[in-house]
Amino acid sequence: AKLIAEQIQQGKLSPQIGQRMLCYCVNSGPAFVIGSVALPLYQ
């Protein structure tokens, strides 16, 4: 979301395309799902 917002504010990305990209650019990263979920919860 931060990268999309920066690109729109700098004029490198249109709000229309940025709105579409937001739908799939918000993801849980591997550090979270592995280190903060799988290892402490399931080992």
PDB file of all heavy atoms in Angstrom:
ATOM      1  N   ALA A   1       0.830  -1.207   0.000  1.00  0.00           N
ATOM      2  CA  ALA A   1       0.000   0.000   0.000  1.00  0.00           C
ATOM      3  C   ALA A   1       0.862   1.254   0.000  1.00  0.00           C
ATOM      4  O   ALA A   1       0.561   2.240  -0.696  1.00  0.00           O
ATOM      5  CB  ALA A   1      -0.927  -0.008   1.209  1.00  0.00           C
ATOM      6  N   LYS A   2       1.959   1.237   0.756  1.00  0.00           N
ATOM      7  CA  LYS A   2       2.850   2.396   0.804  1.00  0.00           C
ATOM      8  C   LYS A   2       3.497   2.646  -0.556  1.00  0.00           C
ATOM      9  O   LYS A   2       3.588   3.786  -1.018  1.00  0.00           O
ATOM     10  CB  LYS A   2       3.931   2.191   1.862  1.00  0.00           C
ATOM     11  CG  LYS A   2       4.914   3.355   1.962  1.00  0.00           C
ATOM     12  CD  LYS A   2       6.009   3.074   2.963  1.00  0.00           C
ATOM     13  CE  LYS A   2       6.945   4.284   3.084  1.00  0.00           C
ATOM     14  NZ  LYS A   2       7.605   4.611   1.807  1.00  0.00           N
ATOM     15  N   LEU A   3       3.958   1.575  -1.209  1.00  0.00           N
ATOM     16  CA  LEU A   3       4.601   1.731  -2.507  1.00  0.00           C
ATOM     17  C   LEU A   3       3.611   2.248  -3.551  1.00  0.00           C
ATOM     18  O   LEU A   3       3.953   3.095  -4.382  1.00  0.00           O
ATOM     19  CB  LEU A   3       5.191   0.390  -2.948  1.00  0.00           C
ATOM     20  CG  LEU A   3       6.309  -0.166  -2.062  1.00  0.00           C
ATOM     21  CD1 LEU A   3       6.755  -1.535  -2.563  1.00  0.00           C
ATOM     22  CD2 LEU A   3       7.498   0.794  -1.998  1.00  0.00           C
ATOM     23  N   ILE A   4       2.386   1.747  -3.511  1.00  0.00           N
ATOM     24  CA  ILE A   4       1.359   2.213  -4.442  1.00  0.00           C
ATOM     25  C   ILE A   4       1.081   3.695  -4.210  1.00  0.00           C
ATOM     26  O   ILE A   4       0.990   4.487  -5.157  1.00  0.00           O
ATOM     27  CB  ILE A   4       0.074   1.389  -4.275  1.00  0.00           C
ATOM     28  CG1 ILE A   4       0.288  -0.033  -4.817  1.00  0.00           C
ATOM     29  CG2 ILE A   4      -1.101   2.047  -5.000  1.00  0.00           C
ATOM     30  CD1 ILE A   4      -0.854  -0.974  -4.542  1.00  0.00           C
ATOM     31  N   ALA A   5       0.938   4.086  -2.940  1.00  0.00           N
ATOM     32  CA  ALA A   5       0.661   5.482  -2.623  1.00  0.00           C
ATOM     33  C   ALA A   5       1.790   6.389  -3.113  1.00  0.00           C
ATOM     34  O   ALA A   5       1.530   7.479  -3.669  1.00  0.00           O
ATOM     35  CB  ALA A   5       0.463   5.646  -1.119  1.00  0.00           C
ATOM     36  N   GLU A   6       3.041   5.971  -2.932  1.00  0.00           N
ATOM     37  CA  GLU A   6       4.174   6.776  -3.379  1.00  0.00           C
ATOM     38  C   GLU A   6       4.184   6.940  -4.890  1.00  0.00           C
ATOM     39  O   GLU A   6       4.422   8.035  -5.404  1.00  0.00           O
ATOM     40  CB  GLU A   6       5.479   6.135  -2.922  1.00  0.00           C
ATOM     41  CG  GLU A   6       5.772   6.291  -1.441  1.00  0.00           C
ATOM     42  CD  GLU A   6       7.111   5.696  -1.049  1.00  0.00           C
ATOM     43  OE1 GLU A   6       7.649   4.873  -1.815  1.00  0.00           O
ATOM     44  OE2 GLU A   6       7.599   6.045   0.027  1.00  0.00           O
ATOM     45  N   GLN A   7       3.925   5.853  -5.605  1.00  0.00           N
ATOM     46  CA  GLN A   7       3.940   5.924  -7.061  1.00  0.00           C
ATOM     47  C   GLN A   7       2.834   6.839  -7.588  1.00  0.00           C
ATOM     48  O   GLN A   7       3.032   7.573  -8.561  1.00  0.00           O
ATOM     49  CB  GLN A   7       3.778   4.514  -7.650  1.00  0.00           C
ATOM     50  CG  GLN A   7       4.927   3.566  -7.361  1.00  0.00           C
ATOM     51  CD  GLN A   7       6.212   3.973  -8.054  1.00  0.00           C
ATOM     52  OE1 GLN A   7       6.310   3.986  -9.271  1.00  0.00           O
ATOM     53  NE2 GLN A   7       7.203   4.346  -7.261  1.00  0.00           N
ATOM     54  N   ILE A   8       1.667   6.816  -6.946  1.00  0.00           N
ATOM     55  CA  ILE A   8       0.572   7.695  -7.358  1.00  0.00           C
ATOM     56  C   ILE A   8       0.929   9.152  -7.091  1.00  0.00           C
ATOM     57  O   ILE A   8       0.731  10.037  -7.932  1.00  0.00           O
ATOM     58  CB  ILE A   8      -0.729   7.308  -6.626  1.00  0.00           C
ATOM     59  CG1 ILE A   8      -1.217   5.939  -7.103  1.00  0.00           C
ATOM     60  CG2 ILE A   8      -1.813   8.363  -6.861  1.00  0.00           C
ATOM     61  CD1 ILE A   8      -2.444   5.434  -6.371  1.00  0.00           C
ATOM     62  N   GLN A   9       1.487   9.426  -5.911  1.00  0.00           N
ATOM     63  CA  GLN A   9       1.827  10.798  -5.547  1.00  0.00           C
ATOM     64  C   GLN A   9       2.945  11.365  -6.416  1.00  0.00           C
ATOM     65  O   GLN A   9       3.019  12.580  -6.629  1.00  0.00           O
ATOM     66  CB  GLN A   9       2.223  10.866  -4.071  1.00  0.00           C
ATOM     67  CG  GLN A   9       1.050  10.627  -3.121  1.00  0.00           C
ATOM     68  CD  GLN A   9       1.484  10.597  -1.666  1.00  0.00           C
ATOM     69  OE1 GLN A   9       2.132   9.669  -1.212  1.00  0.00           O
ATOM     70  NE2 GLN A   9       1.117  11.633  -0.926  1.00  0.00           N
ATOM     71  N   GLN A  10       3.817  10.503  -6.930  1.00  0.00           N
ATOM     72  CA  GLN A  10       4.910  10.947  -7.795  1.00  0.00           C
ATOM     73  C   GLN A  10       4.497  11.010  -9.259  1.00  0.00           C
ATOM     74  O   GLN A  10       5.301  11.362 -10.118  1.00  0.00           O
ATOM     75  CB  GLN A  10       6.107  10.007  -7.643  1.00  0.00           C
ATOM     76  CG  GLN A  10       6.751  10.040  -6.264  1.00  0.00           C
ATOM     77  CD  GLN A  10       7.821   8.975  -6.089  1.00  0.00           C
ATOM     78  OE1 GLN A  10       8.298   8.397  -7.072  1.00  0.00           O
ATOM     79  NE2 GLN A  10       8.192   8.704  -4.850  1.00  0.00           N
ATOM     80  N   GLY A  11       3.250  10.656  -9.559  1.00  0.00           N
ATOM     81  CA  GLY A  11       2.767  10.702 -10.931  1.00  0.00           C
ATOM     82  C   GLY A  11       3.227   9.552 -11.794  1.00  0.00           C
ATOM     83  O   GLY A  11       3.082   9.604 -13.022  1.00  0.00           O
ATOM     84  N   LYS A  12       3.772   8.496 -11.187  1.00  0.00           N
ATOM     85  CA  LYS A  12       4.256   7.335 -11.938  1.00  0.00           C
ATOM     86  C   LYS A  12       3.202   6.236 -12.078  1.00  0.00           C
ATOM     87  O   LYS A  12       3.408   5.265 -12.795  1.00  0.00           O
ATOM     88  CB  LYS A  12       5.489   6.745 -11.251  1.00  0.00           C
ATOM     89  CG  LYS A  12       6.669   7.700 -11.147  1.00  0.00           C
ATOM     90  CD  LYS A  12       7.820   7.039 -10.405  1.00  0.00           C
ATOM     91  CE  LYS A  12       8.993   7.977 -10.252  1.00  0.00           C
ATOM     92  NZ  LYS A  12      10.110   7.354  -9.495  1.00  0.00           N
ATOM     93  N   LEU A  13       2.092   6.386 -11.372  1.00  0.00           N
ATOM     94  CA  LEU A  13       1.046   5.377 -11.379  1.00  0.00           C
ATOM     95  C   LEU A  13      -0.303   6.084 -11.327  1.00  0.00           C
ATOM     96  O   LEU A  13      -0.505   6.981 -10.493  1.00  0.00           O
ATOM     97  CB  LEU A  13       1.208   4.446 -10.167  1.00  0.00           C
ATOM     98  CG  LEU A  13       0.118   3.394  -9.919  1.00  0.00           C
ATOM     99  CD1 LEU A  13       0.101   2.383 -11.055  1.00  0.00           C
ATOM    100  CD2 LEU A  13       0.365   2.693  -8.590  1.00  0.00           C
ATOM    101  N   SER A  14      -1.205   5.689 -12.217  1.00  0.00           N
ATOM    102  CA  SER A  14      -2.524   6.311 -12.210  1.00  0.00           C
ATOM    103  C   SER A  14      -3.351   5.765 -11.047  1.00  0.00           C
ATOM    104  O   SER A  14      -3.186   4.602 -10.649  1.00  0.00           O
ATOM    105  CB  SER A  14      -3.248   6.025 -13.530  1.00  0.00           C
ATOM    106  OG  SER A  14      -3.610   4.655 -13.613  1.00  0.00           O
ATOM    107  N   PRO A  15      -4.249   6.564 -10.472  1.00  0.00           N
ATOM    108  CA  PRO A  15      -5.102   6.067  -9.382  1.00  0.00           C
ATOM    109  C   PRO A  15      -5.945   4.868  -9.790  1.00  0.00           C
ATOM    110  O   PRO A  15      -6.214   3.994  -8.962  1.00  0.00           O
ATOM    111  CB  PRO A  15      -5.978   7.277  -9.043  1.00  0.00           C
ATOM    112  CG  PRO A  15      -5.182   8.465  -9.482  1.00  0.00           C
ATOM    113  CD  PRO A  15      -4.434   8.003 -10.701  1.00  0.00           C
ATOM    114  N   GLN A  16      -6.346   4.808 -11.057  1.00  0.00           N
ATOM    115  CA  GLN A  16      -7.166   3.683 -11.516  1.00  0.00           C
ATOM    116  C   GLN A  16      -6.392   2.370 -11.444  1.00  0.00           C
ATOM    117  O   GLN A  16      -6.901   1.357 -10.928  1.00  0.00           O
ATOM    118  CB  GLN A  16      -7.654   3.927 -12.952  1.00  0.00           C
ATOM    119  CG  GLN A  16      -8.626   5.087 -13.100  1.00  0.00           C
ATOM    120  CD  GLN A  16      -7.954   6.438 -13.037  1.00  0.00           C
ATOM    121  OE1 GLN A  16      -6.724   6.553 -13.208  1.00  0.00           O
ATOM    122  NE2 GLN A  16      -8.735   7.488 -12.794  1.00  0.00           N
ATOM    123  N   ILE A  17      -5.153   2.374 -11.952  1.00  0.00           N
ATOM    124  CA  ILE A  17      -4.347   1.160 -11.892  1.00  0.00           C
ATOM    125  C   ILE A  17      -3.934   0.872 -10.456  1.00  0.00           C
ATOM    126  O   ILE A  17      -3.909  -0.284 -10.018  1.00  0.00           O
ATOM    127  CB  ILE A  17      -3.104   1.290 -12.799  1.00  0.00           C
ATOM    128  CG1 ILE A  17      -3.529   1.407 -14.263  1.00  0.00           C
ATOM    129  CG2 ILE A  17      -2.174   0.089 -12.625  1.00  0.00           C
ATOM    130  CD1 ILE A  17      -2.378   1.554 -15.233  1.00  0.00           C
ATOM    131  N   GLY A  18      -3.613   1.911  -9.694  1.00  0.00           N
ATOM    132  CA  GLY A  18      -3.253   1.726  -8.291  1.00  0.00           C
ATOM    133  C   GLY A  18      -4.380   1.090  -7.499  1.00  0.00           C
ATOM    134  O   GLY A  18      -4.142   0.251  -6.619  1.00  0.00           O
ATOM    135  N   GLN A  19      -5.611   1.455  -7.789  1.00  0.00           N
ATOM    136  CA  GLN A  19      -6.763   0.866  -7.110  1.00  0.00           C
ATOM    137  C   GLN A  19      -6.885  -0.605  -7.407  1.00  0.00           C
ATOM    138  O   GLN A  19      -7.221  -1.406  -6.525  1.00  0.00           O
ATOM    139  CB  GLN A  19      -8.025   1.614  -7.556  1.00  0.00           C
ATOM    140  CG  GLN A  19      -9.288   1.202  -6.835  1.00  0.00           C
ATOM    141  CD  GLN A  19     -10.426   2.154  -7.148  1.00  0.00           C
ATOM    142  OE1 GLN A  19     -10.483   3.270  -6.670  1.00  0.00           O
ATOM    143  NE2 GLN A  19     -11.346   1.696  -7.991  1.00  0.00           N
ATOM    144  N   ARG A  20      -6.593  -0.997  -8.646  1.00  0.00           N
ATOM    145  CA  ARG A  20      -6.595  -2.417  -9.007  1.00  0.00           C
ATOM    146  C   ARG A  20      -5.462  -3.156  -8.309  1.00  0.00           C
ATOM    147  O   ARG A  20      -5.659  -4.250  -7.774  1.00  0.00           O
ATOM    148  CB  ARG A  20      -6.460  -2.577 -10.523  1.00  0.00           C
ATOM    149  CG  ARG A  20      -7.700  -2.234 -11.323  1.00  0.00           C
ATOM    150  CD  ARG A  20      -7.372  -2.110 -12.797  1.00  0.00           C
ATOM    151  NE  ARG A  20      -6.576  -3.236 -13.263  1.00  0.00           N
ATOM    152  CZ  ARG A  20      -5.826  -3.219 -14.365  1.00  0.00           C
ATOM    153  NH1 ARG A  20      -5.761  -2.128 -15.103  1.00  0.00           N
ATOM    154  NH2 ARG A  20      -5.147  -4.277 -14.719  1.00  0.00           N
ATOM    155  N   MET A  21      -4.274  -2.556  -8.303  1.00  0.00           N
ATOM    156  CA  MET A  21      -3.114  -3.216  -7.710  1.00  0.00           C
ATOM    157  C   MET A  21      -3.282  -3.408  -6.207  1.00  0.00           C
ATOM    158  O   MET A  21      -2.766  -4.375  -5.631  1.00  0.00           O
ATOM    159  CB  MET A  21      -1.844  -2.424  -8.009  1.00  0.00           C
ATOM    160  CG  MET A  21      -1.472  -2.383  -9.478  1.00  0.00           C
ATOM    161  SD  MET A  21      -0.030  -1.344  -9.831  1.00  0.00           S
ATOM    162  CE  MET A  21       1.265  -2.304  -9.062  1.00  0.00           C
ATOM    163  N   LEU A  22      -3.996  -2.503  -5.564  1.00  0.00           N
ATOM    164  CA  LEU A  22      -4.220  -2.632  -4.123  1.00  0.00           C
ATOM    165  C   LEU A  22      -4.924  -3.941  -3.783  1.00  0.00           C
ATOM    166  O   LEU A  22      -4.710  -4.508  -2.701  1.00  0.00           O
ATOM    167  CB  LEU A  22      -5.052  -1.447  -3.623  1.00  0.00           C
ATOM    168  CG  LEU A  22      -5.358  -1.416  -2.126  1.00  0.00           C
ATOM    169  CD1 LEU A  22      -4.074  -1.194  -1.329  1.00  0.00           C
ATOM    170  CD2 LEU A  22      -6.385  -0.331  -1.806  1.00  0.00           C
ATOM    171  N   CYS A  23      -5.745  -4.451  -4.698  1.00  0.00           N
ATOM    172  CA  CYS A  23      -6.515  -5.667  -4.442  1.00  0.00           C
ATOM    173  C   CYS A  23      -5.623  -6.887  -4.224  1.00  0.00           C
ATOM    174  O   CYS A  23      -6.037  -7.835  -3.547  1.00  0.00           O
ATOM    175  CB  CYS A  23      -7.478  -5.938  -5.605  1.00  0.00           C
ATOM    176  SG  CYS A  23      -8.708  -4.648  -5.854  1.00  0.00           S
ATOM    177  N   TYR A  24      -4.410  -6.883  -4.786  1.00  0.00           N
ATOM    178  CA  TYR A  24      -3.543  -8.049  -4.638  1.00  0.00           C
ATOM    179  C   TYR A  24      -2.149  -7.716  -4.100  1.00  0.00           C
ATOM    180  O   TYR A  24      -1.320  -8.609  -3.925  1.00  0.00           O
ATOM    181  CB  TYR A  24      -3.395  -8.802  -5.973  1.00  0.00           C
ATOM    182  CG  TYR A  24      -3.041  -7.949  -7.167  1.00  0.00           C
ATOM    183  CD1 TYR A  24      -1.722  -7.669  -7.482  1.00  0.00           C
ATOM    184  CD2 TYR A  24      -4.038  -7.441  -7.993  1.00  0.00           C
ATOM    185  CE1 TYR A  24      -1.401  -6.898  -8.574  1.00  0.00           C
ATOM    186  CE2 TYR A  24      -3.728  -6.657  -9.098  1.00  0.00           C
ATOM    187  CZ  TYR A  24      -2.417  -6.389  -9.384  1.00  0.00           C
ATOM    188  OH  TYR A  24      -2.100  -5.610 -10.475  1.00  0.00           O
ATOM    189  N   CYS A  25      -1.883  -6.453  -3.809  1.00  0.00           N
ATOM    190  CA  CYS A  25      -0.575  -6.068  -3.272  1.00  0.00           C
ATOM    191  C   CYS A  25      -0.575  -5.935  -1.755  1.00  0.00           C
ATOM    192  O   CYS A  25       0.384  -5.403  -1.186  1.00  0.00           O
ATOM    193  CB  CYS A  25      -0.103  -4.763  -3.912  1.00  0.00           C
ATOM    194  SG  CYS A  25       0.502  -4.981  -5.601  1.00  0.00           S
ATOM    195  N   VAL A  26      -1.618  -6.377  -1.090  1.00  0.00           N
ATOM    196  CA  VAL A  26      -1.667  -6.408   0.373  1.00  0.00           C
ATOM    197  C   VAL A  26      -1.583  -7.870   0.796  1.00  0.00           C
ATOM    198  O   VAL A  26      -2.563  -8.608   0.746  1.00  0.00           O
ATOM    199  CB  VAL A  26      -2.957  -5.752   0.907  1.00  0.00           C
ATOM    200  CG1 VAL A  26      -3.025  -5.872   2.423  1.00  0.00           C
ATOM    201  CG2 VAL A  26      -3.018  -4.284   0.484  1.00  0.00           C
ATOM    202  N   ASN A  27      -0.392  -8.301   1.183  1.00  0.00           N
ATOM    203  CA  ASN A  27      -0.136  -9.718   1.457  1.00  0.00           C
ATOM    204  C   ASN A  27       0.605  -9.885   2.781  1.00  0.00           C
ATOM    205  O   ASN A  27       1.343  -9.008   3.212  1.00  0.00           O
ATOM    206  CB  ASN A  27       0.722 -10.332   0.345  1.00  0.00           C
ATOM    207  CG  ASN A  27       0.222 -10.000  -1.038  1.00  0.00           C
ATOM    208  OD1 ASN A  27      -0.757 -10.555  -1.507  1.00  0.00           O
ATOM    209  ND2 ASN A  27       0.881  -9.057  -1.710  1.00  0.00           N
ATOM    210  N   SER A  28       0.409 -11.041   3.397  1.00  0.00           N
ATOM    211  CA  SER A  28       1.219 -11.371   4.578  1.00  0.00           C
ATOM    212  C   SER A  28       2.539 -11.955   4.101  1.00  0.00           C
ATOM    213  O   SER A  28       2.566 -12.908   3.324  1.00  0.00           O
ATOM    214  CB  SER A  28       0.482 -12.368   5.473  1.00  0.00           C
ATOM    215  OG  SER A  28       0.139 -13.540   4.747  1.00  0.00           O
ATOM    216  N   GLY A  29       3.636 -11.385   4.535  1.00  0.00           N
ATOM    217  CA  GLY A  29       4.951 -11.811   4.076  1.00  0.00           C
ATOM    218  C   GLY A  29       5.426 -13.083   4.752  1.00  0.00           C
ATOM    219  O   GLY A  29       4.851 -13.538   5.752  1.00  0.00           O
ATOM    220  N   PRO A  30       6.495 -13.692   4.237  1.00  0.00           N
ATOM    221  CA  PRO A  30       7.009 -14.944   4.809  1.00  0.00           C
ATOM    222  C   PRO A  30       7.521 -14.781   6.238  1.00  0.00           C
ATOM    223  O   PRO A  30       7.421 -15.712   7.034  1.00  0.00           O
ATOM    224  CB  PRO A  30       8.143 -15.328   3.845  1.00  0.00           C
ATOM    225  CG  PRO A  30       8.531 -14.055   3.156  1.00  0.00           C
ATOM    226  CD  PRO A  30       7.266 -13.259   3.058  1.00  0.00           C
ATOM    227  N   ALA A  31       8.068 -13.619   6.577  1.00  0.00           N
ATOM    228  CA  ALA A  31       8.556 -13.418   7.948  1.00  0.00           C
ATOM    229  C   ALA A  31       7.418 -13.542   8.950  1.00  0.00           C
ATOM    230  O   ALA A  31       7.603 -14.061  10.057  1.00  0.00           O
ATOM    231  CB  ALA A  31       9.222 -12.049   8.064  1.00  0.00           C
ATOM    232  N   PHE A  32       6.245 -13.076   8.566  1.00  0.00           N
ATOM    233  CA  PHE A  32       5.099 -13.133   9.466  1.00  0.00           C
ATOM    234  C   PHE A  32       4.522 -14.544   9.556  1.00  0.00           C
ATOM    235  O   PHE A  32       4.382 -15.104  10.646  1.00  0.00           O
ATOM    236  CB  PHE A  32       4.020 -12.154   9.000  1.00  0.00           C
ATOM    237  CG  PHE A  32       2.740 -12.261   9.781  1.00  0.00           C
ATOM    238  CD1 PHE A  32       2.706 -11.904  11.121  1.00  0.00           C
ATOM    239  CD2 PHE A  32       1.584 -12.720   9.181  1.00  0.00           C
ATOM    240  CE1 PHE A  32       1.527 -12.008  11.845  1.00  0.00           C
ATOM    241  CE2 PHE A  32       0.405 -12.830   9.891  1.00  0.00           C
ATOM    242  CZ  PHE A  32       0.377 -12.471  11.232  1.00  0.00           C
ATOM    243  N   VAL A  33       4.193 -15.154   8.404  1.00  0.00           N
ATOM    244  CA  VAL A  33       3.497 -16.441   8.445  1.00  0.00           C
ATOM    245  C   VAL A  33       4.404 -17.573   8.917  1.00  0.00           C
ATOM    246  O   VAL A  33       3.920 -18.561   9.486  1.00  0.00           O
ATOM    247  CB  VAL A  33       2.889 -16.786   7.061  1.00  0.00           C
ATOM    248  CG1 VAL A  33       1.779 -15.814   6.702  1.00  0.00           C
ATOM    249  CG2 VAL A  33       3.959 -16.817   5.976  1.00  0.00           C
ATOM    250  N   ILE A  34       5.711 -17.438   8.705  1.00  0.00           N
ATOM    251  CA  ILE A  34       6.632 -18.487   9.164  1.00  0.00           C
ATOM    252  C   ILE A  34       7.105 -18.192  10.589  1.00  0.00           C
ATOM    253  O   ILE A  34       6.943 -19.009  11.498  1.00  0.00           O
ATOM    254  CB  ILE A  34       7.841 -18.613   8.214  1.00  0.00           C
ATOM    255  CG1 ILE A  34       7.386 -19.045   6.818  1.00  0.00           C
ATOM    256  CG2 ILE A  34       8.846 -19.636   8.770  1.00  0.00           C
ATOM    257  CD1 ILE A  34       8.501 -19.041   5.781  1.00  0.00           C
ATOM    258  N   GLY A  35       7.682 -17.012  10.783  1.00  0.00           N
ATOM    259  CA  GLY A  35       8.290 -16.714  12.073  1.00  0.00           C
ATOM    260  C   GLY A  35       7.320 -16.339  13.163  1.00  0.00           C
ATOM    261  O   GLY A  35       7.592 -16.566  14.347  1.00  0.00           O
ATOM    262  N   SER A  36       6.163 -15.769  12.807  1.00  0.00           N
ATOM    263  CA  SER A  36       5.227 -15.300  13.825  1.00  0.00           C
ATOM    264  C   SER A  36       3.970 -16.139  13.938  1.00  0.00           C
ATOM    265  O   SER A  36       3.155 -15.891  14.822  1.00  0.00           O
ATOM    266  CB  SER A  36       4.831 -13.842  13.530  1.00  0.00           C
ATOM    267  OG  SER A  36       5.957 -13.008  13.542  1.00  0.00           O
ATOM    268  N   VAL A  37       3.794 -17.089  13.031  1.00  0.00           N
ATOM    269  CA  VAL A  37       2.600 -17.945  13.080  1.00  0.00           C
ATOM    270  C   VAL A  37       2.973 -19.423  13.149  1.00  0.00           C
ATOM    271  O   VAL A  37       2.703 -20.107  14.139  1.00  0.00           O
ATOM    272  CB  VAL A  37       1.671 -17.691  11.867  1.00  0.00           C
ATOM    273  CG1 VAL A  37       0.480 -18.644  11.898  1.00  0.00           C
ATOM    274  CG2 VAL A  37       1.174 -16.248  11.861  1.00  0.00           C
ATOM    275  N   ALA A  38       3.611 -19.927  12.095  1.00  0.00           N
ATOM    276  CA  ALA A  38       3.842 -21.373  11.996  1.00  0.00           C
ATOM    277  C   ALA A  38       4.774 -21.896  13.085  1.00  0.00           C
ATOM    278  O   ALA A  38       4.499 -22.932  13.702  1.00  0.00           O
ATOM    279  CB  ALA A  38       4.394 -21.714  10.611  1.00  0.00           C
ATOM    280  N   LEU A  39       5.886 -21.214  13.313  1.00  0.00           N
ATOM    281  CA  LEU A  39       6.849 -21.713  14.300  1.00  0.00           C
ATOM    282  C   LEU A  39       6.337 -21.634  15.741  1.00  0.00           C
ATOM    283  O   LEU A  39       6.385 -22.632  16.465  1.00  0.00           O
ATOM    284  CB  LEU A  39       8.177 -20.976  14.147  1.00  0.00           C
ATOM    285  CG  LEU A  39       8.982 -21.326  12.891  1.00  0.00           C
ATOM    286  CD1 LEU A  39      10.268 -20.523  12.833  1.00  0.00           C
ATOM    287  CD2 LEU A  39       9.284 -22.822  12.846  1.00  0.00           C
ATOM    288  N   PRO A  40       5.821 -20.487  16.189  1.00  0.00           N
ATOM    289  CA  PRO A  40       5.351 -20.456  17.582  1.00  0.00           C
ATOM    290  C   PRO A  40       4.069 -21.241  17.807  1.00  0.00           C
ATOM    291  O   PRO A  40       3.865 -21.798  18.889  1.00  0.00           O
ATOM    292  CB  PRO A  40       5.133 -18.962  17.853  1.00  0.00           C
ATOM    293  CG  PRO A  40       4.930 -18.356  16.518  1.00  0.00           C
ATOM    294  CD  PRO A  40       5.770 -19.148  15.568  1.00  0.00           C
ATOM    295  N   LEU A  41       3.207 -21.319  16.800  1.00  0.00           N
ATOM    296  CA  LEU A  41       1.904 -21.951  16.994  1.00  0.00           C
ATOM    297  C   LEU A  41       1.931 -23.445  16.708  1.00  0.00           C
ATOM    298  O   LEU A  41       1.322 -24.235  17.437  1.00  0.00           O
ATOM    299  CB  LEU A  41       0.868 -21.262  16.097  1.00  0.00           C
ATOM    300  CG  LEU A  41      -0.605 -21.596  16.365  1.00  0.00           C
ATOM    301  CD1 LEU A  41      -0.996 -21.184  17.773  1.00  0.00           C
ATOM    302  CD2 LEU A  41      -1.497 -20.893  15.346  1.00  0.00           C
ATOM    303  N   TYR A  42       2.643 -23.852  15.653  1.00  0.00           N
ATOM    304  CA  TYR A  42       2.640 -25.261  15.230  1.00  0.00           C
ATOM    305  C   TYR A  42       4.006 -25.919  15.353  1.00  0.00           C
ATOM    306  O   TYR A  42       4.119 -27.136  15.160  1.00  0.00           O
ATOM    307  CB  TYR A  42       2.165 -25.368  13.776  1.00  0.00           C
ATOM    308  CG  TYR A  42       0.798 -24.776  13.535  1.00  0.00           C
ATOM    309  CD1 TYR A  42       0.658 -23.562  12.868  1.00  0.00           C
ATOM    310  CD2 TYR A  42      -0.354 -25.420  13.980  1.00  0.00           C
ATOM    311  CE1 TYR A  42      -0.600 -23.004  12.650  1.00  0.00           C
ATOM    312  CE2 TYR A  42      -1.606 -24.874  13.759  1.00  0.00           C
ATOM    313  CZ  TYR A  42      -1.718 -23.671  13.102  1.00  0.00           C
ATOM    314  OH  TYR A  42      -2.962 -23.119  12.892  1.00  0.00           O
ATOM    315  N   GLN A  43       5.048 -25.140  15.589  1.00  0.00           N
ATOM    316  CA  GLN A  43       6.415 -25.650  15.593  1.00  0.00           C
ATOM    317  C   GLN A  43       6.714 -26.426  14.310  1.00  0.00           C
ATOM    318  O   GLN A  43       7.350 -27.468  14.310  1.00  0.00           O
ATOM    319  CB  GLN A  43       6.650 -26.540  16.826  1.00  0.00           C
ATOM    320  CG  GLN A  43       6.529 -25.788  18.139  1.00  0.00           C
ATOM    321  CD  GLN A  43       6.850 -26.634  19.353  1.00  0.00           C
ATOM    322  OE1 GLN A  43       7.257 -27.787  19.227  1.00  0.00           O
ATOM    323  NE2 GLN A  43       6.671 -26.072  20.536  1.00  0.00           N
TER     324      GLN A  43
END
